[in-house]
Amino acid sequence: MLNLMVDWDNGSSLNVIIGHDHICKVESKAYRIRSEARRVAATGRSNMFEIAMELGCNAFADFMFTHAKEYGALILTGELPADIEFAAYDR
């Protein structure tokens, strides 16, 4: 049996038993937005909101309207500001 020990940033730890416990990677909203933005940009088309909706990139489409300044920075630099805040229920 294979065990995986996870050490959290807050000092806690957790032992996971591979094959017994169910584990999965949880993406942050920022990661999902960057991924969806790259997917939309890869189409080479110009109406990013329309493309996002067609592709089901809902987090990115919502981000365009709720974080206009940060959206501009993402388009120009490819990065989200480090201090960007999302609603707790959207993480």
Protein backbone atom coordinates (compact mmCIF):
# COMPACT_ATOMS: atom_id res chain seq x y z
CA MET A 1 0.00 0.00 0.00
CA LEU A 2 1.34 3.43 -0.96
CA ASN A 3 0.91 6.42 1.34
CA LEU A 4 1.24 10.07 0.43
CA MET A 5 1.92 12.64 3.15
CA VAL A 6 0.68 16.14 2.42
CA ASP A 7 2.02 19.10 4.41
CA TRP A 8 -0.24 22.16 4.25
CA ASP A 9 0.94 25.77 4.43
CA ASN A 10 -0.77 26.19 7.82
CA GLY A 11 1.39 23.48 9.42
CA SER A 12 -1.20 20.69 9.28
CA SER A 13 -0.56 17.41 7.50
CA LEU A 14 -2.63 14.61 6.01
CA ASN A 15 -1.84 11.01 5.17
CA VAL A 16 -3.52 9.77 1.96
CA ILE A 17 -3.64 6.06 1.12
CA ILE A 18 -3.36 5.64 -2.65
CA GLY A 19 -6.01 3.26 -3.96
CA HIS A 20 -8.16 3.70 -0.87
CA ASP A 21 -8.68 7.45 -0.47
CA HIS A 22 -10.10 9.54 -3.29
CA ILE A 23 -7.94 12.56 -4.15
CA CYS A 24 -8.08 15.07 -6.99
CA LYS A 25 -6.41 18.29 -8.00
CA VAL A 26 -8.46 21.43 -7.36
CA GLU A 27 -7.68 24.32 -9.67
CA SER A 28 -7.75 27.88 -8.41
CA LYS A 29 -10.00 30.34 -10.19
CA ALA A 30 -6.93 32.27 -11.38
CA TYR A 31 -5.49 29.10 -12.95
CA ARG A 32 -8.82 28.31 -14.63
CA ILE A 33 -9.10 31.88 -16.01
CA ARG A 34 -5.56 31.78 -17.44
CA SER A 35 -6.21 28.36 -18.99
CA GLU A 36 -9.49 29.46 -20.54
CA ALA A 37 -7.93 32.71 -21.81
CA ARG A 38 -5.19 30.72 -23.59
CA ARG A 39 -7.80 28.38 -25.08
CA VAL A 40 -9.83 31.34 -26.40
CA ALA A 41 -6.73 33.15 -27.72
CA ALA A 42 -5.59 30.00 -29.54
CA THR A 43 -8.60 30.29 -31.87
CA GLY A 44 -7.03 33.41 -33.43
CA ARG A 45 -10.41 35.12 -33.56
CA SER A 46 -11.05 38.59 -32.16
CA ASN A 47 -14.36 38.61 -30.24
CA MET A 48 -13.07 36.96 -27.09
CA PHE A 49 -16.35 37.08 -25.16
CA GLU A 50 -18.29 35.40 -27.96
CA ILE A 51 -15.59 32.75 -28.36
CA ALA A 52 -15.46 32.14 -24.61
CA MET A 53 -19.20 31.54 -24.56
CA GLU A 54 -19.00 29.20 -27.59
CA LEU A 55 -16.23 27.16 -25.93
CA GLY A 56 -17.92 27.05 -22.53
CA CYS A 57 -15.18 29.13 -20.89
CA ASN A 58 -17.60 30.59 -18.37
CA ALA A 59 -15.03 31.61 -15.75
CA PHE A 60 -13.15 33.67 -18.35
CA ALA A 61 -16.35 35.21 -19.77
CA ASP A 62 -17.44 36.24 -16.27
CA PHE A 63 -13.95 37.57 -15.51
CA MET A 64 -14.06 39.90 -18.54
CA PHE A 65 -17.04 41.74 -17.09
CA THR A 66 -16.30 41.64 -13.39
CA HIS A 67 -12.58 42.49 -13.55
CA ALA A 68 -12.16 44.81 -16.55
CA LYS A 69 -8.81 46.27 -15.42
CA GLU A 70 -7.33 42.86 -14.67
CA TYR A 71 -8.72 41.49 -17.97
CA GLY A 72 -6.80 44.21 -19.82
CA ALA A 73 -3.62 43.29 -17.95
CA LEU A 74 -4.15 39.60 -18.74
CA ILE A 75 -4.55 40.32 -22.45
CA LEU A 76 -1.50 42.60 -22.59
CA THR A 77 0.87 40.64 -20.35
CA GLY A 78 -0.54 37.11 -20.12
CA GLU A 79 -0.56 37.35 -16.33
CA LEU A 80 -3.11 38.08 -13.63
CA PRO A 81 -2.10 40.56 -10.91
CA ALA A 82 -0.85 38.74 -7.83
CA ASP A 83 -3.20 40.69 -5.56
CA ILE A 84 -6.41 39.93 -7.50
CA GLU A 85 -9.36 39.03 -5.27
CA PHE A 86 -12.19 36.67 -6.16
CA ALA A 87 -15.34 36.08 -4.15
CA ALA A 88 -14.79 33.28 -1.64
CA TYR A 89 -17.44 31.10 -3.30
CA ASP A 90 -15.69 31.41 -6.69
CA ARG A 91 -12.29 30.01 -5.71
